[in-house]
Protein backbone atom coordinates (compact mmCIF):
# COMPACT_ATOMS: atom_id res chain seq x y z
CA MET A 1 -5.64 31.81 153.91
CA LYS A 2 -4.97 35.38 153.69
CA LYS A 3 -4.27 35.05 157.46
CA LEU A 4 -1.79 32.00 157.40
CA ILE A 5 0.33 34.07 155.17
CA PHE A 6 0.06 37.47 156.77
CA TRP A 7 1.68 35.42 160.04
CA THR A 8 3.53 33.33 158.57
CA PHE A 9 5.22 36.72 157.16
CA VAL A 10 5.55 38.30 160.46
CA TYR A 11 6.89 35.26 162.25
CA SER A 12 9.57 35.47 159.66
CA LEU A 13 10.26 39.04 160.38
CA LEU A 14 10.59 38.27 163.91
CA VAL A 15 12.68 35.01 163.55
CA THR A 16 14.85 37.36 161.21
CA ALA A 17 15.15 39.94 164.09
CA SER A 18 16.44 37.80 166.88
CA PHE A 19 19.13 36.01 164.73
CA GLY A 20 20.72 39.27 164.12
CA GLN A 21 20.73 40.20 168.08
CA VAL A 22 22.39 36.68 168.55
CA ASN A 23 25.62 37.80 166.15
CA ASN A 24 25.31 41.93 166.60
CA ALA A 25 26.17 43.95 169.40
CA THR A 26 23.88 45.86 172.03
CA LEU A 27 24.20 49.26 173.12
CA THR A 28 22.87 50.00 176.97
CA GLY A 29 23.01 52.21 179.53
CA THR A 30 21.09 54.85 182.11
CA VAL A 31 20.82 59.02 181.71
CA ALA A 32 21.10 60.93 184.79
CA ASP A 33 21.36 64.40 185.62
CA ALA A 34 24.31 66.43 187.53
CA THR A 35 22.11 65.37 191.15
CA GLY A 36 21.74 61.63 189.77
CA ALA A 37 17.89 61.93 189.08
CA VAL A 38 17.22 59.96 185.76
CA LEU A 39 16.06 61.53 182.61
CA PRO A 40 13.23 60.20 180.48
CA GLY A 41 12.97 61.16 176.82
CA VAL A 42 16.40 61.80 176.23
CA THR A 43 17.48 61.46 172.38
CA ILE A 44 20.36 58.61 171.68
CA THR A 45 22.02 58.35 169.01
CA ALA A 46 24.45 55.67 167.66
CA THR A 47 26.55 56.61 164.26
CA ASN A 48 28.70 53.84 162.25
CA ASN A 49 31.84 55.66 162.00
CA ALA A 50 32.25 53.53 159.04
CA THR A 51 28.93 53.09 157.19
CA GLY A 52 27.18 56.37 158.55
CA VAL A 53 24.20 54.24 159.67
CA VAL A 54 22.64 56.30 162.04
CA THR A 55 20.06 54.42 165.08
CA THR A 56 18.37 56.52 167.33
CA VAL A 57 16.21 55.60 170.63
CA LEU A 58 14.81 57.71 173.26
CA THR A 59 15.68 57.07 177.40
CA ASN A 60 12.35 55.53 179.17
CA GLU A 61 10.74 56.67 182.27
CA ALA A 62 13.61 55.02 184.46
CA GLY A 63 16.03 56.85 182.15
CA ALA A 64 17.37 53.74 180.33
CA TYR A 65 18.11 53.04 176.87
CA ASN A 66 18.69 49.97 175.06
CA ILE A 67 19.90 49.67 171.31
CA GLN A 68 19.53 45.95 169.51
CA SER A 69 21.42 44.36 166.51
CA LEU A 70 24.53 46.62 165.82
CA LEU A 71 27.00 45.76 163.45
CA PRO A 72 30.35 45.14 165.03
CA GLY A 73 32.42 48.77 164.33
CA THR A 74 33.36 51.79 165.62
CA TYR A 75 30.62 54.27 167.06
CA THR A 76 30.49 57.69 168.08
CA VAL A 77 27.36 57.44 170.96
CA SER A 78 25.77 60.80 171.82
CA ALA A 79 22.99 61.91 173.90
CA GLU A 80 20.62 64.95 173.63
CA LEU A 81 18.17 66.56 175.37
CA PRO A 82 16.85 70.32 175.18
CA GLY A 83 18.23 72.54 178.08
CA PHE A 84 21.12 70.12 178.81
CA GLN A 85 24.74 70.01 177.10
CA LYS A 86 24.88 67.38 174.44
CA GLN A 87 27.04 64.30 175.63
CA THR A 88 29.09 62.46 173.22
CA TYR A 89 31.14 59.01 173.51
CA THR A 90 33.66 58.56 170.84
CA ALA A 91 35.39 55.48 169.28
CA THR A 92 33.16 53.40 170.64
CA GLN A 93 33.96 49.25 169.89
CA LEU A 94 31.33 47.21 169.45
CA GLY A 95 32.06 43.80 168.94
CA ASN A 96 30.45 40.42 168.09
CA ALA A 97 27.43 39.57 170.55
CA THR A 98 28.84 41.71 173.28
CA THR A 99 26.64 44.51 175.21
CA VAL A 100 28.18 47.50 175.59
CA ARG A 101 27.04 49.66 178.52
CA LEU A 102 27.67 53.56 178.45
CA ASN A 103 26.10 55.50 180.90
CA PHE A 104 25.26 59.12 180.59
CA ALA A 105 25.30 62.03 183.35
CA MET A 106 24.22 65.35 181.71
CA GLN A 107 24.82 69.18 182.72
CA VAL A 108 22.21 71.76 182.60
CA ALA A 109 23.15 74.32 180.21
CA THR A 110 21.77 78.07 180.10
CA GLN A 111 20.23 79.48 176.86
CA ALA A 112 23.72 81.23 175.72
CA GLN A 113 25.79 77.96 176.18
CA SER A 114 26.51 75.51 173.40
CA VAL A 115 28.53 73.07 174.85
CA GLU A 116 29.47 69.30 173.43
CA VAL A 117 31.07 67.10 176.33
CA THR A 118 33.33 64.37 174.76
CA ILE A 119 34.49 61.58 176.73
CA ALA A 120 36.60 58.61 175.21
CA ALA A 121 34.74 55.33 175.24
CA ASP A 122 38.23 53.01 176.31
CA THR A 123 38.06 55.54 179.56
CA VAL A 124 35.27 53.33 181.23
CA LEU A 125 34.53 49.98 181.98
CA ALA A 126 31.89 49.70 179.20
CA THR A 127 31.97 45.73 177.85
CA SER A 128 29.01 43.81 179.89
CA THR A 129 29.29 40.16 178.67
CA GLY A 130 29.04 36.77 180.68
CA THR A 131 31.98 34.93 178.93
CA ILE A 132 35.69 35.29 179.09
CA GLY A 133 37.87 35.56 176.36
CA GLN A 134 40.00 37.84 173.75
CA VAL A 135 38.88 39.40 170.16
CA LEU A 136 41.18 40.25 167.13
CA THR A 137 39.62 43.42 165.58
CA GLU A 138 39.65 43.53 161.66
CA LYS A 139 42.52 46.13 161.69
CA LYS A 140 44.98 43.43 163.82
CA VAL A 141 43.64 40.47 161.51
CA GLN A 142 44.61 42.56 158.60
CA ASP A 143 47.77 43.49 159.87
CA ILE A 144 49.29 40.38 161.59
CA PRO A 145 51.07 38.29 158.73
CA VAL A 146 49.91 34.58 158.69
CA VAL A 147 51.46 31.76 156.36
CA GLY A 148 48.65 29.97 154.72
CA ASN A 149 46.02 32.65 154.78
CA ASN A 150 43.89 30.55 157.14
CA VAL A 151 42.78 32.99 160.04
CA LEU A 152 42.64 30.09 162.33
CA ASP A 153 46.35 30.20 162.72
CA LEU A 154 46.18 33.34 164.55
CA LEU A 155 44.23 31.98 167.34
CA ASN A 156 47.73 31.22 168.47
CA LEU A 157 48.03 35.05 169.41
CA LEU A 158 45.25 34.66 171.83
CA GLY A 159 45.63 33.47 175.62
CA GLY A 160 43.50 30.34 177.06
CA LEU A 161 44.68 28.10 173.53
CA ASP A 162 47.78 25.50 174.73
CA ASN A 163 50.01 23.47 171.86
CA PHE A 164 47.54 24.74 168.72
CA VAL A 165 48.94 22.84 165.53
CA ALA A 166 48.05 23.90 161.89
CA THR A 167 49.25 20.57 159.71
CA GLY A 168 49.14 20.31 156.54
CA ALA A 169 49.86 22.50 153.41
CA PRO A 170 49.09 26.19 153.54
CA GLY A 171 45.23 26.62 152.58
CA GLN A 172 44.37 23.38 154.45
CA SER A 173 42.24 23.89 157.63
CA ALA A 174 43.86 23.99 161.04
CA PHE A 175 42.66 21.62 164.03
CA GLY A 176 43.47 20.67 167.03
CA ARG A 177 45.33 17.23 168.02
CA GLU A 178 45.05 15.33 170.78
CA GLY A 179 47.05 17.39 173.33
CA THR A 180 45.55 20.49 172.38
CA THR A 181 43.69 21.97 175.36
CA LEU A 182 41.38 25.37 175.67
CA ALA A 183 41.55 27.05 178.93
CA GLY A 184 42.53 23.78 180.27
CA VAL A 185 39.92 21.44 178.63
CA SER A 186 40.28 19.16 175.36
CA ALA A 187 39.79 21.36 172.62
CA GLN A 188 39.02 18.38 170.39
CA ALA A 189 35.13 19.51 170.44
CA VAL A 190 35.25 23.42 170.48
CA PRO A 191 32.69 24.95 167.84
CA VAL A 192 33.98 27.12 165.35
CA LEU A 193 30.86 29.52 163.97
CA ARG A 194 30.83 32.09 161.64
CA ASP A 195 28.24 34.63 161.67
CA GLY A 196 26.20 32.63 164.33
CA VAL A 197 26.74 29.39 161.84
CA MET A 198 28.32 26.30 162.46
CA VAL A 199 31.42 25.87 159.88
CA GLN A 200 33.50 23.09 161.52
CA ASP A 201 34.33 20.24 159.22
CA GLN A 202 33.65 17.69 162.41
CA ARG A 203 32.67 17.93 165.62
CA TRP A 204 35.17 14.81 166.93
CA PRO A 205 37.94 14.19 166.89
CA THR A 206 39.28 16.88 164.84
CA GLY A 207 38.41 19.78 166.76
CA ILE A 208 39.14 23.39 165.56
CA ASN A 209 38.50 23.37 162.05
CA THR A 210 36.48 24.64 158.93
CA ALA A 211 35.10 23.31 156.56
CA THR A 212 36.63 25.60 154.02
CA VAL A 213 39.54 28.25 154.74
CA ILE A 214 38.69 31.38 156.10
CA ASN A 215 40.77 33.88 154.49
CA PRO A 216 41.49 37.10 156.72
CA ASP A 217 40.21 39.66 154.13
CA LEU A 218 36.78 37.98 154.69
CA VAL A 219 37.05 38.86 158.49
CA GLY A 220 35.76 41.59 160.59
CA GLU A 221 36.55 40.12 164.01
CA ILE A 222 37.81 36.73 165.40
CA LYS A 223 36.74 36.27 168.92
CA LEU A 224 38.24 33.12 171.14
CA ILE A 225 35.56 32.25 174.22
CA VAL A 226 37.65 30.16 176.77
CA SER A 227 34.73 30.32 179.47
CA PRO A 228 31.74 29.80 179.47
CA VAL A 229 30.23 29.71 175.83
CA ASP A 230 26.87 31.94 175.66
CA ALA A 231 23.93 29.31 174.99
CA GLU A 232 22.87 30.46 171.42
CA LEU A 233 26.44 30.61 170.35
CA GLY A 234 27.82 27.23 171.23
CA ARG A 235 28.63 24.37 173.28
CA GLY A 236 31.13 23.26 175.95
CA ASN A 237 33.99 25.35 177.20
CA GLY A 238 35.15 27.29 174.61
CA ALA A 239 34.07 28.57 171.31
CA ILE A 240 35.53 30.44 168.11
CA GLN A 241 33.79 33.33 166.78
CA ILE A 242 34.52 34.90 163.54
CA GLN A 243 32.22 37.56 161.64
CA SER A 244 32.25 38.69 158.08
CA ARG A 245 33.67 41.74 156.96
CA ALA A 246 31.24 44.42 155.75
CA GLY A 247 31.20 47.30 152.81
CA THR A 248 31.76 50.64 154.16
CA ASN A 249 31.10 54.30 152.48
CA GLN A 250 34.49 54.25 150.81
CA PHE A 251 35.42 52.27 147.94
CA HIS A 252 38.24 49.87 149.13
CA GLY A 253 39.44 46.31 147.20
CA ALA A 254 42.51 44.54 147.39
CA ALA A 255 44.09 41.83 145.18
CA VAL A 256 46.74 39.17 146.54
CA TRP A 257 48.59 36.80 144.80
CA ASN A 258 50.91 34.34 147.26
CA THR A 259 53.16 32.00 146.03
CA GLN A 260 55.02 29.00 147.55
CA ASN A 261 56.87 26.35 145.75
CA THR A 262 59.81 23.64 146.58
CA ALA A 263 62.29 26.05 144.73
CA LEU A 264 61.54 28.67 147.26
CA ASN A 265 60.75 27.03 150.35
CA PRO A 266 63.81 26.02 152.61
CA ASN A 267 64.24 21.78 153.29
CA THR A 268 62.70 20.64 156.21
CA TRP A 269 64.92 20.01 159.70
CA ASN A 270 64.31 16.43 159.53
CA ASN A 271 65.50 15.99 156.11
CA ASN A 272 68.30 17.92 156.28
CA ASN A 273 68.95 15.36 159.44
CA ASP A 274 68.86 12.53 157.48
CA LEU A 275 71.69 9.54 156.58
CA ASP A 276 72.58 7.72 154.24
CA PRO A 277 71.15 3.71 155.46
CA ASN A 278 74.18 2.17 153.90
CA THR A 279 77.48 4.23 154.94
CA ARG A 280 75.40 6.16 157.69
CA ALA A 281 77.25 9.29 156.18
CA TRP A 282 75.32 12.76 156.16
CA ARG A 283 73.25 12.48 153.16
CA PRO A 284 70.07 15.28 153.10
CA THR A 285 66.58 13.49 151.74
CA ALA A 286 64.94 16.10 149.09
CA PRO A 287 61.76 17.79 149.82
CA ASN A 288 58.37 16.30 148.17
CA TRP A 289 57.82 18.67 144.99
CA GLN A 290 55.43 21.07 145.77
CA ASN A 291 53.75 24.53 144.22
CA ILE A 292 51.15 26.25 145.85
CA ASN A 293 48.90 29.25 144.92
CA GLN A 294 46.85 31.23 146.28
CA GLY A 295 45.15 34.08 145.08
CA THR A 296 42.51 36.61 146.64
CA ILE A 297 40.42 39.34 144.97
CA SER A 298 38.16 41.81 147.61
CA ALA A 299 36.17 44.69 147.01
CA GLY A 300 33.94 46.41 148.93
CA GLY A 301 31.63 49.74 148.88
CA PRO A 302 28.07 51.81 148.86
CA ILE A 303 24.97 51.02 147.03
CA VAL A 304 23.34 53.67 148.48
CA LYS A 305 25.17 56.06 150.72
CA ASN A 306 24.50 55.54 154.50
CA LYS A 307 22.07 52.83 153.86
CA THR A 308 22.77 50.01 151.85
CA PHE A 309 26.40 48.58 151.05
CA PHE A 310 28.02 45.08 149.47
CA PHE A 311 31.12 43.07 150.33
CA ALA A 312 32.71 40.64 147.94
CA LEU A 313 35.35 38.45 148.03
CA TRP A 314 37.30 35.34 145.59
CA ASP A 315 39.44 33.40 147.35
CA MET A 316 41.37 30.67 145.27
CA ASN A 317 43.72 27.61 146.31
CA PHE A 318 45.67 25.53 143.88
CA ASN A 319 47.48 23.18 145.84
CA ARG A 320 49.74 20.58 143.49
CA GLY A 321 52.21 18.16 144.96
CA ARG A 322 54.04 14.97 144.29
CA ALA A 323 55.57 12.58 146.71
CA ASN A 324 58.04 10.04 146.71
CA THR A 325 56.62 6.80 147.11
CA TYR A 326 58.93 3.56 148.61
CA ALA A 327 57.42 0.49 147.70
CA ALA A 328 59.43 -2.95 148.41
CA VAL A 329 59.73 -4.70 144.73
CA LEU A 330 61.11 -8.54 144.43
CA THR A 331 64.61 -8.74 143.22
CA PRO A 332 65.20 -11.10 140.09
CA CYS A 333 65.98 -14.10 141.94
CA ALA A 334 62.72 -13.71 144.48
CA ARG A 335 60.62 -13.44 141.38
CA ASN A 336 62.28 -16.66 140.02
CA GLY A 337 61.33 -18.59 143.18
CA VAL A 338 64.68 -17.96 145.18
CA PHE A 339 64.27 -16.20 148.55
CA ARG A 340 67.61 -15.19 150.23
CA TYR A 341 67.67 -14.65 153.84
CA PHE A 342 70.48 -13.84 156.29
CA ASP A 343 70.46 -15.96 159.69
CA GLY A 344 69.68 -14.14 163.19
CA TRP A 345 67.67 -10.97 161.94
CA ASN A 346 64.19 -10.40 160.20
CA ASN A 347 65.10 -9.35 157.01
CA GLY A 348 63.95 -6.23 155.71
CA SER A 349 64.13 -4.08 152.48
CA PHE A 350 66.22 -1.51 151.48
CA GLY A 351 65.45 1.80 153.64
CA THR A 352 63.91 -0.18 156.40
CA THR A 353 65.23 1.28 159.76
CA THR A 354 66.89 -1.41 162.03
CA THR A 355 64.49 -1.85 165.37
CA MET A 356 65.24 -4.49 168.54
CA GLY A 357 62.89 -6.18 170.51
CA ALA A 358 61.15 -9.57 170.17
CA THR A 359 61.71 -9.31 166.47
CA PRO A 360 65.08 -7.72 165.50
CA THR A 361 64.81 -6.21 161.79
CA ILE A 362 67.41 -5.14 159.46
CA SER A 363 68.03 -3.88 156.14
CA VAL A 364 69.72 -6.26 154.09
CA VAL A 365 70.06 -5.38 150.50
CA ASP A 366 70.77 -2.04 148.89
CA LEU A 367 69.12 0.29 146.76
CA LEU A 368 69.83 -2.32 143.69
CA GLY A 369 68.44 -5.36 145.48
CA ASN A 370 72.27 -6.74 146.41
CA PRO A 371 72.45 -8.64 149.78
CA VAL A 372 74.14 -6.50 152.14
CA ALA A 373 75.28 -8.53 155.16
CA PRO A 374 74.51 -6.87 158.73
CA ALA A 375 77.41 -5.73 160.71
CA SER A 376 76.50 -7.35 163.88
CA ASN A 377 74.00 -9.69 165.61
CA PRO A 378 70.95 -8.58 167.51
CA ASN A 379 72.79 -9.06 170.30
CA GLY A 380 75.47 -6.71 169.35
CA THR A 381 78.32 -9.00 168.60
CA PRO A 382 80.30 -9.50 165.18
CA TYR A 383 78.04 -11.01 162.63
CA THR A 384 78.74 -14.72 162.27
CA GLY A 385 75.68 -15.81 159.93
CA GLN A 386 75.47 -16.49 156.22
CA LEU A 387 73.39 -15.67 153.25
CA ARG A 388 70.76 -18.65 152.76
CA HIS A 389 68.54 -19.59 149.93
CA ALA A 390 65.12 -21.03 150.36
CA ARG A 391 63.22 -22.61 147.45
CA GLN A 392 59.32 -21.47 146.82
CA LEU A 393 57.16 -22.53 143.50
CA HIS A 394 59.74 -24.29 141.58
CA GLY A 395 60.72 -27.75 141.30
CA ASP A 396 64.34 -28.51 142.09
CA ARG A 397 65.78 -28.58 138.53
CA ASP A 398 64.34 -25.05 138.51
CA PHE A 399 65.67 -24.61 142.04
CA ALA A 400 69.59 -25.57 141.32
CA GLU A 401 69.76 -23.57 138.10
CA HIS A 402 68.18 -20.24 139.79
CA ALA A 403 70.22 -20.86 143.05
CA GLU A 404 73.21 -20.99 140.91
CA LEU A 405 72.54 -18.10 139.17
CA CYS A 406 71.75 -16.09 142.73
CA GLU A 407 75.22 -17.83 143.80
CA ASN A 408 77.22 -16.28 140.80
CA ARG A 409 75.31 -12.72 141.40
CA ASP A 410 76.15 -12.35 144.84
CA GLY A 411 79.31 -14.48 145.47
CA GLU A 412 77.97 -16.64 148.37
CA SER A 413 78.20 -20.42 147.89
CA GLU A 414 75.99 -21.48 151.00
CA SER A 415 72.70 -22.73 150.52
CA ALA A 416 69.91 -24.45 152.24
């Protein structure tokens, strides 16, 4: 029993380490002297500039080193060996699930020398990966404004994604419509991962979305992979990979409140372009009432400096709306069993759009239910038909009384 518990504990540690390697970065490379001979036993130090966490390894007999499971961020990487000048790469940017290769060529130093050679990491081709894609770092995510506070809306800034449309009110998850493509392939089955875990609401057919809104303040990095996807991080031709933020050696916090409502937002182009269905005069339609409030509070900092950190975020979204609904209501004549109609047309209720084809349809009443004769026949000639009455549900005596009421109401005397 004790052996079972022991091996279960060991396996759990191995699984945790492997999971961390999938989402975090790897730093690798070789160290050689001025003649190109490899140098074993060189101390390689990677220091996270934000947290101060230091990771140290030694080069092996082939002069190679490998540092795994480094949190994404900016690092200072140095190589040291007694008798050689210390060499340092500054501002080395490590991203989500990336491998960065930094090779060192160390020079011999005399006893009187204390020289440190500094090289900017962005001057070398350092990234080694089998995928093609683009990355938005934490700073870019924070600096770029986005309506609705949904980080997926920032995907429009990255190459490879075509015709991406975020629909619905701010605060709702974005998704790829049928016409959206990623690297020329339909984006409907593109996986979205946060810290290596699938977070999309559905695989098919909504495509690029998340079950919950991912606020930009929660994101440390967002990567759009267009081809091919790492086997351990997704499927298909593309993927969206999101890395969460983490605390640093400094205390930082933010509080944001966003408000959108009908009083502040402009009307839509479609509403402003509407016409009166009776007079065909310009009459903009008022937008549906809406009141959206989004609040975010975040805080992060050290628990134990250079060792343990925290980051917490509270995100709130109150989305209230009211929409006008137009329903067909029977007129007083129809409620009493007398139905009226105009010859030659499929009679529609108020607001019905005129359509042609096999069954031409037109609106034949105004907003109050009064008959409005069509201006023309379906073939375009002046209208020559009449208003008719049809009996339903009532006897002859009731029909005659109600038909007379309808005739007095609309001024027509013809009935059938």
